[in-house]
Amino acid sequence: CDVHLIGKDILRHHSVYWPSLLMSAGISLPKVIFAHGWWTNEGQKMSKSLGNFIDPHQIIDQYGLDAFRYFLLREVNFGQDGDFSISALKQRINSDLANDLGNLLSRYCGMVSRYLGGKIFAPEKIEGIDRELEQALKKTQNELGLAIKNFAFHKGLISIWEFINYTNKYIDTTAPWNLAKDSNNRGRLETVLFYAGASLRAIAILIWPFMPKSAETIWAQLKLEGTILDKRLEENLELRLFKPKGLIQKAEPLFPRVE
């Protein structure tokens, strides 16, 4: 196998004894042995006597699987000890997921529906700010690839969220709501909404390894053909590949805020 993932308390057994057994049996050794850390609950070690174990099924039922996955991979450096708390989970959901990503999808779909009747048009004249968006995506792609290779999943998510925030800033700066007020700006409006939508398509591909259901929801909301499962990072992140096959309509909240 490529990776042997174990708890840090059994590192000796799985990095010394187990490989010896594999070698004696003529079985290939793992390429990497990675020891993960422990989670505490509100600063306390989980134990039977305290009865403070976290029930993942209960968390998933209440907050959603993708939100739970995001929190676990984003909150701490993978491999180190981390502390779980409901307040920290809620903060991640409301800030990162609802405000940054969810709001981006919601307001984008609303603008396309309102200003362009749900249709996306190929860009005509590309400006510097559009090219800067492309460069930001390439930077994120490179950083994410390196982060995954090094098991630094939190760094990969940080890089993705930098691009999400960059896309939000792109929309704020280009201000489609102002462009829509003047019919002379129709071409520029179409270009801006193409690039913003293309960024969302790329974001769906970027987050799929971490939050597959949410990525597939974005994919469907953008009316994209095919399945996101087939989209490899190195081949399918080009913004020009954004080609919706239906009318984009107002989207339901991707991550509702929690109280």
Protein backbone atom coordinates (compact mmCIF):
# COMPACT_ATOMS: atom_id res chain seq x y z
CA CYS A 1 0.00 0.00 0.00
CA ASP A 2 1.02 3.63 -0.32
CA VAL A 3 0.21 4.81 3.22
CA HIS A 4 -0.09 2.99 6.54
CA LEU A 5 -2.08 5.24 8.90
CA ILE A 6 -1.82 4.46 12.61
CA GLY A 7 -2.20 5.97 16.06
CA LYS A 8 0.94 7.47 17.55
CA ASP A 9 0.79 5.20 20.61
CA ILE A 10 1.44 2.10 18.48
CA LEU A 11 4.14 3.56 16.24
CA ARG A 12 6.83 1.09 17.36
CA HIS A 13 4.68 -1.94 16.66
CA HIS A 14 3.72 -0.79 13.18
CA SER A 15 7.04 0.71 12.09
CA VAL A 16 9.34 -2.03 13.42
CA TYR A 17 7.53 -5.30 14.17
CA TRP A 18 4.85 -5.23 11.48
CA PRO A 19 7.27 -4.37 8.59
CA SER A 20 9.50 -7.23 9.77
CA LEU A 21 6.56 -9.63 9.53
CA LEU A 22 5.68 -8.30 6.08
CA MET A 23 9.26 -8.73 4.86
CA SER A 24 9.46 -12.29 6.17
CA ALA A 25 6.24 -13.09 4.30
CA GLY A 26 7.50 -11.47 1.09
CA ILE A 27 4.81 -8.78 1.17
CA SER A 28 5.59 -5.26 -0.06
CA LEU A 29 6.07 -2.63 2.63
CA PRO A 30 3.98 0.56 2.77
CA LYS A 31 5.69 3.54 1.18
CA VAL A 32 4.79 5.81 4.10
CA ILE A 33 3.91 5.18 7.75
CA PHE A 34 2.00 8.13 9.18
CA ALA A 35 1.09 8.38 12.86
CA HIS A 36 -1.88 10.58 13.74
CA GLY A 37 -2.48 12.34 17.05
CA TRP A 38 -5.27 12.21 19.61
CA TRP A 39 -8.39 14.30 20.04
CA THR A 40 -9.42 15.74 23.39
CA ASN A 41 -12.94 16.91 24.22
CA GLU A 42 -13.20 20.47 25.51
CA GLY A 43 -9.59 20.19 26.72
CA GLN A 44 -10.07 16.85 28.50
CA LYS A 45 -8.74 13.46 27.50
CA MET A 46 -11.57 11.14 26.49
CA SER A 47 -12.03 8.25 28.88
CA LYS A 48 -14.62 5.71 30.00
CA SER A 49 -14.58 7.05 33.54
CA LEU A 50 -15.43 10.58 32.41
CA GLY A 51 -17.92 9.35 29.84
CA ASN A 52 -16.94 12.19 27.52
CA PHE A 53 -16.52 10.34 24.27
CA ILE A 54 -17.76 12.14 21.14
CA ASP A 55 -20.45 10.31 19.21
CA PRO A 56 -19.65 11.03 15.54
CA HIS A 57 -23.08 9.83 14.41
CA GLN A 58 -24.76 12.36 16.68
CA ILE A 59 -22.54 15.17 15.39
CA ILE A 60 -23.22 14.17 11.78
CA ASP A 61 -26.98 13.99 12.35
CA GLN A 62 -27.01 17.48 13.85
CA TYR A 63 -24.42 19.35 11.77
CA GLY A 64 -23.87 17.27 8.63
CA LEU A 65 -21.12 14.94 7.48
CA ASP A 66 -19.31 17.45 5.27
CA ALA A 67 -19.19 20.07 8.01
CA PHE A 68 -17.80 17.48 10.42
CA ARG A 69 -15.19 16.32 7.92
CA TYR A 70 -14.17 19.91 7.23
CA PHE A 71 -13.76 20.70 10.90
CA LEU A 72 -11.64 17.64 11.67
CA LEU A 73 -9.30 18.25 8.74
CA ARG A 74 -9.12 22.04 9.05
CA GLU A 75 -9.01 22.63 12.80
CA VAL A 76 -5.64 21.03 13.58
CA ASN A 77 -2.47 19.97 11.82
CA PHE A 78 -3.06 16.41 10.67
CA GLY A 79 -0.86 14.19 12.81
CA GLN A 80 -0.88 16.40 15.89
CA ASP A 81 -3.20 16.35 18.88
CA GLY A 82 -6.34 18.42 18.62
CA ASP A 83 -9.20 19.59 20.79
CA PHE A 84 -12.83 19.14 19.80
CA SER A 85 -15.52 21.54 20.95
CA ILE A 86 -19.02 22.26 19.71
CA SER A 87 -18.38 26.00 19.86
CA ALA A 88 -15.34 25.65 17.57
CA LEU A 89 -17.35 23.48 15.17
CA LYS A 90 -20.16 26.05 15.05
CA GLN A 91 -17.62 28.82 14.42
CA ARG A 92 -16.18 26.95 11.44
CA ILE A 93 -19.64 26.25 10.03
CA ASN A 94 -20.87 29.83 10.33
CA SER A 95 -17.66 31.54 9.24
CA ASP A 96 -15.92 29.33 6.71
CA LEU A 97 -18.79 27.26 5.34
CA ALA A 98 -21.90 29.46 5.56
CA ASN A 99 -20.37 32.92 5.12
CA ASP A 100 -17.47 32.27 2.76
CA LEU A 101 -18.46 29.31 0.59
CA GLY A 102 -22.23 29.09 1.00
CA ASN A 103 -22.79 32.80 0.51
CA LEU A 104 -20.56 32.79 -2.58
CA LEU A 105 -22.68 30.12 -4.26
CA SER A 106 -25.97 31.70 -3.18
CA ARG A 107 -25.28 35.22 -4.37
CA TYR A 108 -23.65 34.04 -7.59
CA CYS A 109 -26.62 31.92 -8.62
CA GLY A 110 -28.96 34.74 -7.67
CA MET A 111 -27.11 37.24 -9.85
CA VAL A 112 -26.95 34.94 -12.88
CA SER A 113 -30.66 34.24 -12.58
CA ARG A 114 -31.56 37.89 -12.06
CA TYR A 115 -29.24 39.61 -14.54
CA LEU A 116 -28.76 37.01 -17.30
CA GLY A 117 -31.91 34.91 -17.06
CA GLY A 118 -29.82 31.99 -15.82
CA LYS A 119 -27.68 31.82 -18.97
CA ILE A 120 -23.89 31.89 -19.13
CA PHE A 121 -22.08 33.43 -22.09
CA ALA A 122 -18.48 32.98 -23.21
CA PRO A 123 -16.27 35.93 -22.18
CA GLU A 124 -15.57 38.53 -24.84
CA LYS A 125 -12.91 40.92 -23.59
CA ILE A 126 -10.72 39.72 -20.71
CA GLU A 127 -9.24 42.28 -18.33
CA GLY A 128 -6.36 42.17 -15.89
CA ILE A 129 -8.50 41.32 -12.89
CA ASP A 130 -9.80 38.25 -14.74
CA ARG A 131 -6.27 37.03 -15.42
CA GLU A 132 -5.39 37.60 -11.78
CA LEU A 133 -8.22 35.25 -10.82
CA GLU A 134 -6.70 32.60 -13.09
CA GLN A 135 -3.30 33.06 -11.45
CA ALA A 136 -4.82 32.78 -7.98
CA LEU A 137 -6.37 29.46 -8.99
CA LYS A 138 -3.07 28.11 -10.29
CA LYS A 139 -1.41 29.09 -7.01
CA THR A 140 -4.07 27.23 -5.03
CA GLN A 141 -3.76 24.18 -7.28
CA ASN A 142 0.00 23.98 -6.69
CA GLU A 143 -0.31 24.53 -2.94
CA LEU A 144 -3.06 21.93 -2.58
CA GLY A 145 -1.06 19.30 -4.45
CA LEU A 146 1.94 19.86 -2.18
CA ALA A 147 -0.23 19.85 0.96
CA ILE A 148 -1.87 16.53 0.10
CA LYS A 149 1.50 14.98 -0.70
CA ASN A 150 2.75 16.03 2.76
CA PHE A 151 -0.48 15.06 4.59
CA ALA A 152 -0.92 18.73 5.52
CA PHE A 153 -4.65 18.73 4.85
CA HIS A 154 -5.25 21.85 6.95
CA LYS A 155 -2.83 23.77 4.72
CA GLY A 156 -4.63 22.52 1.63
CA LEU A 157 -7.95 23.75 3.00
CA ILE A 158 -6.42 27.08 3.98
CA SER A 159 -5.24 27.52 0.39
CA ILE A 160 -8.66 26.60 -1.01
CA TRP A 161 -10.35 29.09 1.29
CA GLU A 162 -7.91 31.78 0.20
CA PHE A 163 -9.16 31.22 -3.34
CA ILE A 164 -12.79 31.22 -2.18
CA ASN A 165 -12.19 34.57 -0.50
CA TYR A 166 -10.34 35.80 -3.58
CA THR A 167 -13.39 34.92 -5.68
CA ASN A 168 -15.65 36.77 -3.24
CA LYS A 169 -13.35 39.77 -3.53
CA TYR A 170 -13.42 39.50 -7.33
CA ILE A 171 -17.21 39.79 -7.26
CA ASP A 172 -17.10 42.69 -4.81
CA THR A 173 -14.57 44.54 -6.96
CA THR A 174 -16.24 43.95 -10.33
CA ALA A 175 -19.69 44.66 -8.83
CA PRO A 176 -22.05 42.90 -11.26
CA TRP A 177 -25.01 44.70 -9.64
CA ASN A 178 -23.62 47.98 -10.92
CA LEU A 179 -22.78 46.59 -14.37
CA ALA A 180 -26.36 45.35 -14.71
CA LYS A 181 -27.71 48.90 -14.39
CA ASP A 182 -26.32 49.93 -17.79
CA SER A 183 -27.01 47.91 -20.95
CA ASN A 184 -23.73 49.18 -22.40
CA ASN A 185 -21.94 47.03 -19.81
CA ARG A 186 -23.69 43.84 -20.89
CA GLY A 187 -20.54 42.25 -22.35
CA ARG A 188 -18.50 42.98 -19.25
CA LEU A 189 -21.30 41.67 -17.03
CA GLU A 190 -21.34 38.39 -18.94
CA THR A 191 -17.57 38.05 -18.64
CA VAL A 192 -17.55 38.72 -14.90
CA LEU A 193 -20.28 36.20 -14.21
CA PHE A 194 -18.55 33.65 -16.42
CA TYR A 195 -15.31 33.97 -14.45
CA ALA A 196 -17.06 33.90 -11.08
CA GLY A 197 -18.98 30.77 -12.10
CA ALA A 198 -15.85 29.16 -13.51
CA SER A 199 -14.17 29.77 -10.16
CA LEU A 200 -17.03 28.06 -8.36
CA ARG A 201 -16.69 25.09 -10.70
CA ALA A 202 -13.00 24.89 -9.81
CA ILE A 203 -13.82 25.23 -6.11
CA ALA A 204 -16.18 22.25 -6.36
CA ILE A 205 -13.34 20.14 -7.78
CA LEU A 206 -10.91 21.40 -5.14
CA ILE A 207 -13.13 20.62 -2.15
CA TRP A 208 -14.41 17.25 -3.40
CA PRO A 209 -11.75 15.15 -1.57
CA PHE A 210 -12.76 16.85 1.69
CA MET A 211 -16.49 17.51 1.26
CA PRO A 212 -17.84 15.35 -1.58
CA LYS A 213 -21.56 15.94 -1.04
CA SER A 214 -21.16 19.73 -0.97
CA ALA A 215 -18.96 19.63 -4.07
CA GLU A 216 -21.55 17.61 -5.93
CA THR A 217 -24.28 20.05 -4.84
CA ILE A 218 -22.30 22.97 -6.28
CA TRP A 219 -21.72 20.98 -9.47
CA ALA A 220 -25.44 20.33 -9.88
CA GLN A 221 -26.38 23.91 -9.02
CA LEU A 222 -24.08 25.18 -11.78
CA LYS A 223 -25.83 22.84 -14.25
CA LEU A 224 -22.58 21.13 -15.23
CA GLU A 225 -22.62 17.92 -17.22
CA GLY A 226 -20.91 14.71 -16.27
CA THR A 227 -19.74 13.72 -12.81
CA ILE A 228 -17.25 15.52 -10.64
CA LEU A 229 -15.67 12.17 -9.79
CA ASP A 230 -13.91 12.17 -13.16
CA LYS A 231 -12.34 15.62 -12.78
CA ARG A 232 -8.67 15.39 -11.90
CA LEU A 233 -6.97 18.44 -10.39
CA GLU A 234 -4.18 18.65 -12.94
CA GLU A 235 -6.49 18.43 -15.97
CA ASN A 236 -9.82 20.05 -15.17
CA LEU A 237 -9.27 23.31 -13.29
CA GLU A 238 -9.02 25.57 -16.34
CA LEU A 239 -11.62 28.34 -16.05
CA ARG A 240 -12.42 28.08 -19.75
CA LEU A 241 -13.97 24.64 -19.12
CA PHE A 242 -17.01 26.23 -17.44
CA LYS A 243 -19.91 25.29 -19.72
CA PRO A 244 -23.31 25.00 -18.00
CA LYS A 245 -25.89 22.94 -19.88
CA GLY A 246 -28.97 24.48 -18.31
CA LEU A 247 -30.32 27.62 -16.69
CA ILE A 248 -28.71 28.50 -13.35
CA GLN A 249 -31.36 29.27 -10.77
CA LYS A 250 -31.35 30.69 -7.26
CA ALA A 251 -29.66 28.25 -4.88
CA GLU A 252 -30.76 26.95 -1.51
CA PRO A 253 -28.28 27.63 1.35
CA LEU A 254 -25.37 25.22 1.02
CA PHE A 255 -24.55 25.48 4.73
CA PRO A 256 -27.29 27.03 6.86
CA ARG A 257 -25.98 28.99 9.82
CA VAL A 258 -26.23 27.34 13.23
CA GLU A 259 -27.08 29.06 16.48
